[in-house]
Amino acid sequence: VQFLESGGGLVQPGGSLSLSCVGSGFTFSRYVMSWYRQAPGKDREWVASFPIGGATINYADAVKGRFTMSRDDAKNTVYLHMKNLTPEDTAAYYCKRFGLSDAWGQGTQVTVSS
């Protein structure tokens, strides 16, 4: 099982950015997929989860209304569309199957700074 995140970069406060994550080594469509992030000096935290079967997408309070998660099972990919970014969103972003002890991918760095 592997995950490859991409799309990070440097963005100004108030800007937008979209991340992608490709999963491999498992049947992608059968699993709830989640995004996580880890800011410098802080623990990794859950950001959002996209369930299977049409259930509601869940978001952490800190990103609700600003981040939108989507998935394309045909491409084994999840996305995280982020808007109105603040410096507090600066972190390395990761995706993983929710609730399973998968190894983390390399992540993709998002830096929000003027």
PDB file of N, CA and C in Angstrom:
ATOM      1  N   VAL A   1       0.848  -1.191   0.000  1.00  0.00           N
ATOM      2  CA  VAL A   1       0.000   0.000   0.000  1.00  0.00           C
ATOM      3  C   VAL A   1       0.881   1.238   0.000  1.00  0.00           C
ATOM      4  N   GLN A   2       0.596   2.140  -0.913  1.00  0.00           N
ATOM      5  CA  GLN A   2       1.389   3.366  -1.011  1.00  0.00           C
ATOM      6  C   GLN A   2       0.495   4.550  -1.346  1.00  0.00           C
ATOM      7  N   PHE A   3       0.960   5.730  -0.942  1.00  0.00           N
ATOM      8  CA  PHE A   3       0.254   6.972  -1.246  1.00  0.00           C
ATOM      9  C   PHE A   3       1.260   7.982  -1.770  1.00  0.00           C
ATOM     10  N   LEU A   4       0.862   8.727  -2.796  1.00  0.00           N
ATOM     11  CA  LEU A   4       1.731   9.739  -3.368  1.00  0.00           C
ATOM     12  C   LEU A   4       0.975  11.046  -3.458  1.00  0.00           C
ATOM     13  N   GLU A   5       1.354  11.969  -2.585  1.00  0.00           N
ATOM     14  CA  GLU A   5       0.713  13.276  -2.533  1.00  0.00           C
ATOM     15  C   GLU A   5       1.459  14.273  -3.414  1.00  0.00           C
ATOM     16  N   SER A   6       0.716  15.234  -3.957  1.00  0.00           N
ATOM     17  CA  SER A   6       1.334  16.269  -4.789  1.00  0.00           C
ATOM     18  C   SER A   6       0.449  17.509  -4.793  1.00  0.00           C
ATOM     19  N   GLY A   7       1.007  18.606  -5.306  1.00  0.00           N
ATOM     20  CA  GLY A   7       0.238  19.823  -5.479  1.00  0.00           C
ATOM     21  C   GLY A   7       0.538  20.928  -4.493  1.00  0.00           C
ATOM     22  N   GLY A   8       1.386  20.654  -3.507  1.00  0.00           N
ATOM     23  CA  GLY A   8       1.703  21.668  -2.523  1.00  0.00           C
ATOM     24  C   GLY A   8       2.532  22.800  -3.110  1.00  0.00           C
ATOM     25  N   GLY A   9       2.729  23.833  -2.296  1.00  0.00           N
ATOM     26  CA  GLY A   9       3.530  24.963  -2.740  1.00  0.00           C
ATOM     27  C   GLY A   9       3.373  26.139  -1.802  1.00  0.00           C
ATOM     28  N   LEU A  10       3.890  27.257  -2.262  1.00  0.00           N
ATOM     29  CA  LEU A  10       3.823  28.508  -1.506  1.00  0.00           C
ATOM     30  C   LEU A  10       2.643  29.335  -2.033  1.00  0.00           C
ATOM     31  N   VAL A  11       1.801  29.789  -1.127  1.00  0.00           N
ATOM     32  CA  VAL A  11       0.626  30.571  -1.519  1.00  0.00           C
ATOM     33  C   VAL A  11       0.441  31.707  -0.518  1.00  0.00           C
ATOM     34  N   GLN A  12      -0.062  32.815  -0.994  1.00  0.00           N
ATOM     35  CA  GLN A  12      -0.298  33.949  -0.116  1.00  0.00           C
ATOM     36  C   GLN A  12      -1.563  33.751   0.706  1.00  0.00           C
ATOM     37  N   PRO A  13      -1.639  34.368   1.875  1.00  0.00           N
ATOM     38  CA  PRO A  13      -2.879  34.299   2.662  1.00  0.00           C
ATOM     39  C   PRO A  13      -4.076  34.715   1.825  1.00  0.00           C
ATOM     40  N   GLY A  14      -5.156  33.968   1.965  1.00  0.00           N
ATOM     41  CA  GLY A  14      -6.341  34.214   1.168  1.00  0.00           C
ATOM     42  C   GLY A  14      -6.366  33.487  -0.149  1.00  0.00           C
ATOM     43  N   GLY A  15      -5.264  32.851  -0.491  1.00  0.00           N
ATOM     44  CA  GLY A  15      -5.159  32.146  -1.763  1.00  0.00           C
ATOM     45  C   GLY A  15      -5.758  30.759  -1.722  1.00  0.00           C
ATOM     46  N   SER A  16      -5.616  30.080  -2.852  1.00  0.00           N
ATOM     47  CA  SER A  16      -6.171  28.729  -3.006  1.00  0.00           C
ATOM     48  C   SER A  16      -5.112  27.778  -3.525  1.00  0.00           C
ATOM     49  N   LEU A  17      -5.344  26.504  -3.266  1.00  0.00           N
ATOM     50  CA  LEU A  17      -4.426  25.469  -3.714  1.00  0.00           C
ATOM     51  C   LEU A  17      -5.189  24.151  -3.745  1.00  0.00           C
ATOM     52  N   SER A  18      -4.833  23.304  -4.689  1.00  0.00           N
ATOM     53  CA  SER A  18      -5.463  21.981  -4.762  1.00  0.00           C
ATOM     54  C   SER A  18      -4.410  20.898  -4.674  1.00  0.00           C
ATOM     55  N   LEU A  19      -4.651  19.935  -3.827  1.00  0.00           N
ATOM     56  CA  LEU A  19      -3.745  18.809  -3.626  1.00  0.00           C
ATOM     57  C   LEU A  19      -4.348  17.543  -4.229  1.00  0.00           C
ATOM     58  N   SER A  20      -3.461  16.626  -4.612  1.00  0.00           N
ATOM     59  CA  SER A  20      -3.882  15.316  -5.117  1.00  0.00           C
ATOM     60  C   SER A  20      -3.142  14.232  -4.362  1.00  0.00           C
ATOM     61  N   CYS A  21      -3.757  13.063  -4.304  1.00  0.00           N
ATOM     62  CA  CYS A  21      -3.100  11.915  -3.678  1.00  0.00           C
ATOM     63  C   CYS A  21      -3.548  10.656  -4.408  1.00  0.00           C
ATOM     64  N   VAL A  22      -2.574   9.932  -4.924  1.00  0.00           N
ATOM     65  CA  VAL A  22      -2.850   8.677  -5.603  1.00  0.00           C
ATOM     66  C   VAL A  22      -2.522   7.524  -4.673  1.00  0.00           C
ATOM     67  N   GLY A  23      -3.473   6.611  -4.508  1.00  0.00           N
ATOM     68  CA  GLY A  23      -3.255   5.427  -3.702  1.00  0.00           C
ATOM     69  C   GLY A  23      -3.025   4.211  -4.576  1.00  0.00           C
ATOM     70  N   SER A  24      -2.190   3.280  -4.114  1.00  0.00           N
ATOM     71  CA  SER A  24      -1.928   2.062  -4.878  1.00  0.00           C
ATOM     72  C   SER A  24      -1.724   0.893  -3.931  1.00  0.00           C
ATOM     73  N   GLY A  25      -1.908  -0.312  -4.474  1.00  0.00           N
ATOM     74  CA  GLY A  25      -1.696  -1.511  -3.683  1.00  0.00           C
ATOM     75  C   GLY A  25      -2.934  -2.018  -2.956  1.00  0.00           C
ATOM     76  N   PHE A  26      -4.066  -1.415  -3.232  1.00  0.00           N
ATOM     77  CA  PHE A  26      -5.318  -1.856  -2.624  1.00  0.00           C
ATOM     78  C   PHE A  26      -6.478  -1.444  -3.530  1.00  0.00           C
ATOM     79  N   THR A  27      -7.655  -1.988  -3.256  1.00  0.00           N
ATOM     80  CA  THR A  27      -8.834  -1.646  -4.056  1.00  0.00           C
ATOM     81  C   THR A  27      -9.383  -0.324  -3.541  1.00  0.00           C
ATOM     82  N   PHE A  28      -9.019   0.730  -4.220  1.00  0.00           N
ATOM     83  CA  PHE A  28      -9.230   2.091  -3.744  1.00  0.00           C
ATOM     84  C   PHE A  28     -10.694   2.374  -3.399  1.00  0.00           C
ATOM     85  N   SER A  29     -11.590   1.928  -4.252  1.00  0.00           N
ATOM     86  CA  SER A  29     -13.007   2.272  -4.098  1.00  0.00           C
ATOM     87  C   SER A  29     -13.657   1.664  -2.863  1.00  0.00           C
ATOM     88  N   ARG A  30     -13.004   0.738  -2.218  1.00  0.00           N
ATOM     89  CA  ARG A  30     -13.595   0.050  -1.066  1.00  0.00           C
ATOM     90  C   ARG A  30     -13.274   0.711   0.260  1.00  0.00           C
ATOM     91  N   TYR A  31     -12.508   1.786   0.241  1.00  0.00           N
ATOM     92  CA  TYR A  31     -12.026   2.360   1.492  1.00  0.00           C
ATOM     93  C   TYR A  31     -12.389   3.832   1.649  1.00  0.00           C
ATOM     94  N   VAL A  32     -12.661   4.195   2.907  1.00  0.00           N
ATOM     95  CA  VAL A  32     -12.771   5.597   3.263  1.00  0.00           C
ATOM     96  C   VAL A  32     -11.373   6.193   3.194  1.00  0.00           C
ATOM     97  N   MET A  33     -11.249   7.302   2.513  1.00  0.00           N
ATOM     98  CA  MET A  33      -9.957   7.968   2.380  1.00  0.00           C
ATOM     99  C   MET A  33      -9.969   9.269   3.167  1.00  0.00           C
ATOM    100  N   SER A  34      -8.820   9.607   3.721  1.00  0.00           N
ATOM    101  CA  SER A  34      -8.736  10.799   4.559  1.00  0.00           C
ATOM    102  C   SER A  34      -7.501  11.620   4.224  1.00  0.00           C
ATOM    103  N   TRP A  35      -7.604  12.894   4.520  1.00  0.00           N
ATOM    104  CA  TRP A  35      -6.455  13.794   4.486  1.00  0.00           C
ATOM    105  C   TRP A  35      -6.063  14.144   5.920  1.00  0.00           C
ATOM    106  N   TYR A  36      -4.758  14.290   6.125  1.00  0.00           N
ATOM    107  CA  TYR A  36      -4.202  14.680   7.403  1.00  0.00           C
ATOM    108  C   TYR A  36      -3.162  15.763   7.134  1.00  0.00           C
ATOM    109  N   ARG A  37      -2.758  16.476   8.183  1.00  0.00           N
ATOM    110  CA  ARG A  37      -1.688  17.447   8.030  1.00  0.00           C
ATOM    111  C   ARG A  37      -0.874  17.521   9.310  1.00  0.00           C
ATOM    112  N   GLN A  38       0.377  17.943   9.138  1.00  0.00           N
ATOM    113  CA  GLN A  38       1.266  18.104  10.283  1.00  0.00           C
ATOM    114  C   GLN A  38       2.024  19.405  10.130  1.00  0.00           C
ATOM    115  N   ALA A  39       1.750  20.308  11.047  1.00  0.00           N
ATOM    116  CA  ALA A  39       2.443  21.595  11.062  1.00  0.00           C
ATOM    117  C   ALA A  39       3.752  21.449  11.820  1.00  0.00           C
ATOM    118  N   PRO A  40       4.712  22.322  11.556  1.00  0.00           N
ATOM    119  CA  PRO A  40       6.002  22.239  12.253  1.00  0.00           C
ATOM    120  C   PRO A  40       5.811  22.275  13.770  1.00  0.00           C
ATOM    121  N   GLY A  41       6.408  21.304  14.442  1.00  0.00           N
ATOM    122  CA  GLY A  41       6.354  21.268  15.896  1.00  0.00           C
ATOM    123  C   GLY A  41       5.047  20.805  16.495  1.00  0.00           C
ATOM    124  N   LYS A  42       4.133  20.346  15.648  1.00  0.00           N
ATOM    125  CA  LYS A  42       2.829  19.897  16.140  1.00  0.00           C
ATOM    126  C   LYS A  42       2.557  18.454  15.719  1.00  0.00           C
ATOM    127  N   ASP A  43       1.607  17.842  16.406  1.00  0.00           N
ATOM    128  CA  ASP A  43       1.201  16.489  16.044  1.00  0.00           C
ATOM    129  C   ASP A  43       0.422  16.496  14.731  1.00  0.00           C
ATOM    130  N   ARG A  44       0.456  15.365  14.058  1.00  0.00           N
ATOM    131  CA  ARG A  44      -0.343  15.227  12.852  1.00  0.00           C
ATOM    132  C   ARG A  44      -1.820  15.254  13.220  1.00  0.00           C
ATOM    133  N   GLU A  45      -2.632  15.921  12.417  1.00  0.00           N
ATOM    134  CA  GLU A  45      -4.057  16.019  12.716  1.00  0.00           C
ATOM    135  C   GLU A  45      -4.897  15.638  11.499  1.00  0.00           C
ATOM    136  N   TRP A  46      -6.058  15.113  11.776  1.00  0.00           N
ATOM    137  CA  TRP A  46      -7.011  14.746  10.735  1.00  0.00           C
ATOM    138  C   TRP A  46      -7.631  16.008  10.148  1.00  0.00           C
ATOM    139  N   VAL A  47      -7.824  16.005   8.821  1.00  0.00           N
ATOM    140  CA  VAL A  47      -8.386  17.154   8.133  1.00  0.00           C
ATOM    141  C   VAL A  47      -9.770  16.841   7.560  1.00  0.00           C
ATOM    142  N   ALA A  48      -9.882  15.718   6.856  1.00  0.00           N
ATOM    143  CA  ALA A  48     -11.155  15.407   6.204  1.00  0.00           C
ATOM    144  C   ALA A  48     -11.197  13.928   5.829  1.00  0.00           C
ATOM    145  N   SER A  49     -12.411  13.399   5.710  1.00  0.00           N
ATOM    146  CA  SER A  49     -12.605  12.019   5.282  1.00  0.00           C
ATOM    147  C   SER A  49     -13.724  11.935   4.258  1.00  0.00           C
ATOM    148  N   PHE A  50     -13.477  11.153   3.214  1.00  0.00           N
ATOM    149  CA  PHE A  50     -14.476  10.941   2.163  1.00  0.00           C
ATOM    150  C   PHE A  50     -14.920   9.497   2.230  1.00  0.00           C
ATOM    151  N   PRO A  51     -16.123   9.251   2.670  1.00  0.00           N
ATOM    152  CA  PRO A  51     -16.588   7.876   2.822  1.00  0.00           C
ATOM    153  C   PRO A  51     -16.943   7.231   1.490  1.00  0.00           C
ATOM    154  N   ILE A  52     -17.329   5.998   1.537  1.00  0.00           N
ATOM    155  CA  ILE A  52     -17.852   5.305   0.367  1.00  0.00           C
ATOM    156  C   ILE A  52     -19.359   5.185   0.503  1.00  0.00           C
ATOM    157  N   GLY A  53     -20.037   4.917  -0.569  1.00  0.00           N
ATOM    158  CA  GLY A  53     -21.474   4.702  -0.515  1.00  0.00           C
ATOM    159  C   GLY A  53     -22.313   5.939  -0.376  1.00  0.00           C
ATOM    160  N   GLY A  54     -21.751   7.120  -0.672  1.00  0.00           N
ATOM    161  CA  GLY A  54     -22.563   8.323  -0.677  1.00  0.00           C
ATOM    162  C   GLY A  54     -22.796   8.966   0.667  1.00  0.00           C
ATOM    163  N   ALA A  55     -22.094   8.560   1.697  1.00  0.00           N
ATOM    164  CA  ALA A  55     -22.256   9.178   3.010  1.00  0.00           C
ATOM    165  C   ALA A  55     -21.626  10.575   3.017  1.00  0.00           C
ATOM    166  N   THR A  56     -21.892  11.315   4.076  1.00  0.00           N
ATOM    167  CA  THR A  56     -21.447  12.698   4.174  1.00  0.00           C
ATOM    168  C   THR A  56     -19.935  12.795   4.345  1.00  0.00           C
ATOM    169  N   ILE A  57     -19.339  13.742   3.628  1.00  0.00           N
ATOM    170  CA  ILE A  57     -17.918  14.021   3.806  1.00  0.00           C
ATOM    171  C   ILE A  57     -17.755  14.780   5.117  1.00  0.00           C
ATOM    172  N   ASN A  58     -16.766  14.406   5.888  1.00  0.00           N
ATOM    173  CA  ASN A  58     -16.530  15.040   7.181  1.00  0.00           C
ATOM    174  C   ASN A  58     -15.261  15.896   7.150  1.00  0.00           C
ATOM    175  N   TYR A  59     -15.324  17.040   7.817  1.00  0.00           N
ATOM    176  CA  TYR A  59     -14.200  17.964   7.866  1.00  0.00           C
ATOM    177  C   TYR A  59     -13.909  18.371   9.305  1.00  0.00           C
ATOM    178  N   ALA A  60     -12.631  18.618   9.571  1.00  0.00           N
ATOM    179  CA  ALA A  60     -12.254  19.205  10.854  1.00  0.00           C
ATOM    180  C   ALA A  60     -12.821  20.617  10.930  1.00  0.00           C
ATOM    181  N   ASP A  61     -13.148  21.043  12.139  1.00  0.00           N
ATOM    182  CA  ASP A  61     -13.736  22.380  12.309  1.00  0.00           C
ATOM    183  C   ASP A  61     -12.824  23.470  11.744  1.00  0.00           C
ATOM    184  N   ALA A  62     -11.522  23.272  11.843  1.00  0.00           N
ATOM    185  CA  ALA A  62     -10.570  24.300  11.419  1.00  0.00           C
ATOM    186  C   ALA A  62     -10.607  24.554   9.910  1.00  0.00           C
ATOM    187  N   VAL A  63     -11.125  23.607   9.147  1.00  0.00           N
ATOM    188  CA  VAL A  63     -11.108  23.758   7.680  1.00  0.00           C
ATOM    189  C   VAL A  63     -12.505  23.772   7.082  1.00  0.00           C
ATOM    190  N   LYS A  64     -13.506  23.522   7.882  1.00  0.00           N
ATOM    191  CA  LYS A  64     -14.881  23.443   7.386  1.00  0.00           C
ATOM    192  C   LYS A  64     -15.272  24.748   6.683  1.00  0.00           C
ATOM    193  N   GLY A  65     -15.842  24.630   5.517  1.00  0.00           N
ATOM    194  CA  GLY A  65     -16.249  25.793   4.741  1.00  0.00           C
ATOM    195  C   GLY A  65     -15.165  26.356   3.848  1.00  0.00           C
ATOM    196  N   ARG A  66     -13.921  25.924   4.051  1.00  0.00           N
ATOM    197  CA  ARG A  66     -12.806  26.418   3.229  1.00  0.00           C
ATOM    198  C   ARG A  66     -12.187  25.307   2.383  1.00  0.00           C
ATOM    199  N   PHE A  67     -12.198  24.090   2.893  1.00  0.00           N
ATOM    200  CA  PHE A  67     -11.603  22.956   2.189  1.00  0.00           C
ATOM    201  C   PHE A  67     -12.718  22.054   1.652  1.00  0.00           C
ATOM    202  N   THR A  68     -12.487  21.495   0.480  1.00  0.00           N
ATOM    203  CA  THR A  68     -13.418  20.542  -0.117  1.00  0.00           C
ATOM    204  C   THR A  68     -12.644  19.312  -0.568  1.00  0.00           C
ATOM    205  N   MET A  69     -13.080  18.161  -0.088  1.00  0.00           N
ATOM    206  CA  MET A  69     -12.443  16.905  -0.471  1.00  0.00           C
ATOM    207  C   MET A  69     -13.286  16.215  -1.531  1.00  0.00           C
ATOM    208  N   SER A  70     -12.618  15.627  -2.505  1.00  0.00           N
ATOM    209  CA  SER A  70     -13.307  14.851  -3.521  1.00  0.00           C
ATOM    210  C   SER A  70     -12.477  13.613  -3.839  1.00  0.00           C
ATOM    211  N   ARG A  71     -13.078  12.688  -4.584  1.00  0.00           N
ATOM    212  CA  ARG A  71     -12.341  11.482  -4.958  1.00  0.00           C
ATOM    213  C   ARG A  71     -12.769  11.043  -6.344  1.00  0.00           C
ATOM    214  N   ASP A  72     -11.838  10.395  -7.030  1.00  0.00           N
ATOM    215  CA  ASP A  72     -12.091   9.797  -8.335  1.00  0.00           C
ATOM    216  C   ASP A  72     -11.596   8.370  -8.256  1.00  0.00           C
ATOM    217  N   ASP A  73     -12.505   7.446  -8.014  1.00  0.00           N
ATOM    218  CA  ASP A  73     -12.111   6.053  -7.826  1.00  0.00           C
ATOM    219  C   ASP A  73     -11.529   5.445  -9.097  1.00  0.00           C
ATOM    220  N   ALA A  74     -11.920   5.948 -10.237  1.00  0.00           N
ATOM    221  CA  ALA A  74     -11.363   5.428 -11.496  1.00  0.00           C
ATOM    222  C   ALA A  74      -9.880   5.752 -11.619  1.00  0.00           C
ATOM    223  N   LYS A  75      -9.462   6.816 -10.945  1.00  0.00           N
ATOM    224  CA  LYS A  75      -8.057   7.222 -10.982  1.00  0.00           C
ATOM    225  C   LYS A  75      -7.326   6.923  -9.681  1.00  0.00           C
ATOM    226  N   ASN A  76      -8.010   6.251  -8.746  1.00  0.00           N
ATOM    227  CA  ASN A  76      -7.406   5.951  -7.437  1.00  0.00           C
ATOM    228  C   ASN A  76      -6.861   7.225  -6.774  1.00  0.00           C
ATOM    229  N   THR A  77      -7.608   8.280  -6.878  1.00  0.00           N
ATOM    230  CA  THR A  77      -7.107   9.585  -6.439  1.00  0.00           C
ATOM    231  C   THR A  77      -8.123  10.312  -5.565  1.00  0.00           C
ATOM    232  N   VAL A  78      -7.619  10.943  -4.536  1.00  0.00           N
ATOM    233  CA  VAL A  78      -8.405  11.902  -3.756  1.00  0.00           C
ATOM    234  C   VAL A  78      -7.791  13.274  -3.921  1.00  0.00           C
ATOM    235  N   TYR A  79      -8.640  14.267  -3.754  1.00  0.00           N
ATOM    236  CA  TYR A  79      -8.218  15.648  -3.924  1.00  0.00           C
ATOM    237  C   TYR A  79      -8.601  16.459  -2.689  1.00  0.00           C
ATOM    238  N   LEU A  80      -7.875  17.522  -2.465  1.00  0.00           N
ATOM    239  CA  LEU A  80      -8.230  18.464  -1.420  1.00  0.00           C
ATOM    240  C   LEU A  80      -8.116  19.859  -2.012  1.00  0.00           C
ATOM    241  N   HIS A  81      -9.268  20.489  -2.188  1.00  0.00           N
ATOM    242  CA  HIS A  81      -9.308  21.826  -2.743  1.00  0.00           C
ATOM    243  C   HIS A  81      -9.407  22.797  -1.563  1.00  0.00           C
ATOM    244  N   MET A  82      -8.422  23.692  -1.475  1.00  0.00           N
ATOM    245  CA  MET A  82      -8.313  24.582  -0.324  1.00  0.00           C
ATOM    246  C   MET A  82      -8.436  26.033  -0.772  1.00  0.00           C
ATOM    247  N   LYS A  83      -9.238  26.811  -0.055  1.00  0.00           N
ATOM    248  CA  LYS A  83      -9.390  28.235  -0.370  1.00  0.00           C
ATOM    249  C   LYS A  83      -9.324  29.041   0.922  1.00  0.00           C
ATOM    250  N   ASN A  84      -9.185  30.356   0.745  1.00  0.00           N
ATOM    251  CA  ASN A  84      -9.072  31.245   1.911  1.00  0.00           C
ATOM    252  C   ASN A  84      -8.014  30.746   2.896  1.00  0.00           C
ATOM    253  N   LEU A  85      -6.884  30.380   2.365  1.00  0.00           N
ATOM    254  CA  LEU A  85      -5.814  29.815   3.188  1.00  0.00           C
ATOM    255  C   LEU A  85      -5.241  30.861   4.132  1.00  0.00           C
ATOM    256  N   THR A  86      -4.860  30.399   5.302  1.00  0.00           N
ATOM    257  CA  THR A  86      -4.239  31.241   6.319  1.00  0.00           C
ATOM    258  C   THR A  86      -2.885  30.647   6.697  1.00  0.00           C
ATOM    259  N   PRO A  87      -2.025  31.429   7.355  1.00  0.00           N
ATOM    260  CA  PRO A  87      -0.727  30.877   7.791  1.00  0.00           C
ATOM    261  C   PRO A  87      -0.900  29.646   8.686  1.00  0.00           C
ATOM    262  N   GLU A  88      -2.021  29.536   9.379  1.00  0.00           N
ATOM    263  CA  GLU A  88      -2.265  28.371  10.241  1.00  0.00           C
ATOM    264  C   GLU A  88      -2.479  27.087   9.436  1.00  0.00           C
ATOM    265  N   ASP A  89      -2.690  27.215   8.142  1.00  0.00           N
ATOM    266  CA  ASP A  89      -2.825  26.031   7.285  1.00  0.00           C
ATOM    267  C   ASP A  89      -1.478  25.509   6.804  1.00  0.00           C
ATOM    268  N   THR A  90      -0.403  26.217   7.120  1.00  0.00           N
ATOM    269  CA  THR A  90       0.925  25.766   6.733  1.00  0.00           C
ATOM    270  C   THR A  90       1.228  24.421   7.388  1.00  0.00           C
ATOM    271  N   ALA A  91       1.535  23.422   6.573  1.00  0.00           N
ATOM    272  CA  ALA A  91       1.756  22.071   7.080  1.00  0.00           C
ATOM    273  C   ALA A  91       2.150  21.170   5.918  1.00  0.00           C
ATOM    274  N   ALA A  92       2.640  19.991   6.272  1.00  0.00           N
ATOM    275  CA  ALA A  92       2.776  18.920   5.289  1.00  0.00           C
ATOM    276  C   ALA A  92       1.447  18.161   5.280  1.00  0.00           C
ATOM    277  N   TYR A  93       0.908  17.915   4.098  1.00  0.00           N
ATOM    278  CA  TYR A  93      -0.385  17.256   3.951  1.00  0.00           C
ATOM    279  C   TYR A  93      -0.199  15.841   3.427  1.00  0.00           C
ATOM    280  N   TYR A  94      -0.959  14.925   4.028  1.00  0.00           N
ATOM    281  CA  TYR A  94      -0.866  13.504   3.713  1.00  0.00           C
ATOM    282  C   TYR A  94      -2.259  12.918   3.489  1.00  0.00           C
ATOM    283  N   CYS A  95      -2.329  11.841   2.708  1.00  0.00           N
ATOM    284  CA  CYS A  95      -3.582  11.100   2.627  1.00  0.00           C
ATOM    285  C   CYS A  95      -3.324   9.655   3.063  1.00  0.00           C
ATOM    286  N   LYS A  96      -4.397   8.991   3.457  1.00  0.00           N
ATOM    287  CA  LYS A  96      -4.285   7.615   3.939  1.00  0.00           C
ATOM    288  C   LYS A  96      -5.668   7.020   4.055  1.00  0.00           C
ATOM    289  N   ARG A  97      -5.735   5.729   4.120  1.00  0.00           N
ATOM    290  CA  ARG A  97      -7.012   5.084   4.406  1.00  0.00           C
ATOM    291  C   ARG A  97      -7.381   5.369   5.857  1.00  0.00           C
ATOM    292  N   PHE A  98      -8.604   5.747   6.082  1.00  0.00           N
ATOM    293  CA  PHE A  98      -9.038   6.113   7.419  1.00  0.00           C
ATOM    294  C   PHE A  98      -9.081   4.905   8.345  1.00  0.00           C
ATOM    295  N   GLY A  99      -8.469   5.039   9.503  1.00  0.00           N
ATOM    296  CA  GLY A  99      -8.575   4.023  10.537  1.00  0.00           C
ATOM    297  C   GLY A  99      -7.648   2.831  10.395  1.00  0.00           C
ATOM    298  N   LEU A 100      -6.815   2.834   9.364  1.00  0.00           N
ATOM    299  CA  LEU A 100      -5.897   1.721   9.155  1.00  0.00           C
ATOM    300  C   LEU A 100      -4.458   2.181   9.382  1.00  0.00           C
ATOM    301  N   SER A 101      -3.622   1.256   9.758  1.00  0.00           N
ATOM    302  CA  SER A 101      -2.238   1.596  10.099  1.00  0.00           C
ATOM    303  C   SER A 101      -1.334   1.543   8.875  1.00  0.00           C
ATOM    304  N   ASP A 102      -1.746   2.249   7.820  1.00  0.00           N
ATOM    305  CA  ASP A 102      -0.906   2.333   6.629  1.00  0.00           C
ATOM    306  C   ASP A 102       0.333   3.173   6.914  1.00  0.00           C
ATOM    307  N   ALA A 103       1.395   2.884   6.178  1.00  0.00           N
ATOM    308  CA  ALA A 103       2.574   3.744   6.233  1.00  0.00           C
ATOM    309  C   ALA A 103       2.245   5.080   5.569  1.00  0.00           C
ATOM    310  N   TRP A 104       2.766   6.144   6.131  1.00  0.00           N
ATOM    311  CA  TRP A 104       2.534   7.470   5.563  1.00  0.00           C
ATOM    312  C   TRP A 104       3.346   7.650   4.283  1.00  0.00           C
ATOM    313  N   GLY A 105       2.801   8.418   3.358  1.00  0.00           N
ATOM    314  CA  GLY A 105       3.555   8.798   2.174  1.00  0.00           C
ATOM    315  C   GLY A 105       4.509   9.925   2.495  1.00  0.00           C
ATOM    316  N   GLN A 106       5.115  10.478   1.453  1.00  0.00           N
ATOM    317  CA  GLN A 106       6.082  11.559   1.669  1.00  0.00           C
ATOM    318  C   GLN A 106       5.410  12.882   2.009  1.00  0.00           C
ATOM    319  N   GLY A 107       4.120  12.992   1.706  1.00  0.00           N
ATOM    320  CA  GLY A 107       3.410  14.230   1.969  1.00  0.00           C
ATOM    321  C   GLY A 107       3.723  15.296   0.933  1.00  0.00           C
ATOM    322  N   THR A 108       2.954  16.382   0.992  1.00  0.00           N
ATOM    323  CA  THR A 108       3.206  17.529   0.128  1.00  0.00           C
ATOM    324  C   THR A 108       3.106  18.786   0.992  1.00  0.00           C
ATOM    325  N   GLN A 109       4.097  19.641   0.881  1.00  0.00           N
ATOM    326  CA  GLN A 109       4.210  20.803   1.765  1.00  0.00           C
ATOM    327  C   GLN A 109       3.376  21.966   1.243  1.00  0.00           C
ATOM    328  N   VAL A 110       2.578  22.523   2.136  1.00  0.00           N
ATOM    329  CA  VAL A 110       1.811  23.730   1.846  1.00  0.00           C
ATOM    330  C   VAL A 110       2.307  24.828   2.778  1.00  0.00           C
ATOM    331  N   THR A 111       2.746  25.923   2.194  1.00  0.00           N
ATOM    332  CA  THR A 111       3.227  27.059   2.983  1.00  0.00           C
ATOM    333  C   THR A 111       2.401  28.283   2.623  1.00  0.00           C
ATOM    334  N   VAL A 112       1.752  28.849   3.621  1.00  0.00           N
ATOM    335  CA  VAL A 112       0.926  30.044   3.413  1.00  0.00           C
ATOM    336  C   VAL A 112       1.646  31.228   4.048  1.00  0.00           C
ATOM    337  N   SER A 113       2.119  32.121   3.206  1.00  0.00           N
ATOM    338  CA  SER A 113       2.927  33.231   3.691  1.00  0.00           C
ATOM    339  C   SER A 113       2.924  34.352   2.675  1.00  0.00           C
ATOM    340  N   SER A 114       3.008  35.570   3.192  1.00  0.00           N
ATOM    341  CA  SER A 114       3.107  36.720   2.300  1.00  0.00           C
ATOM    342  C   SER A 114       4.566  37.085   2.069  1.00  0.00           C
TER     343      SER A 114
END
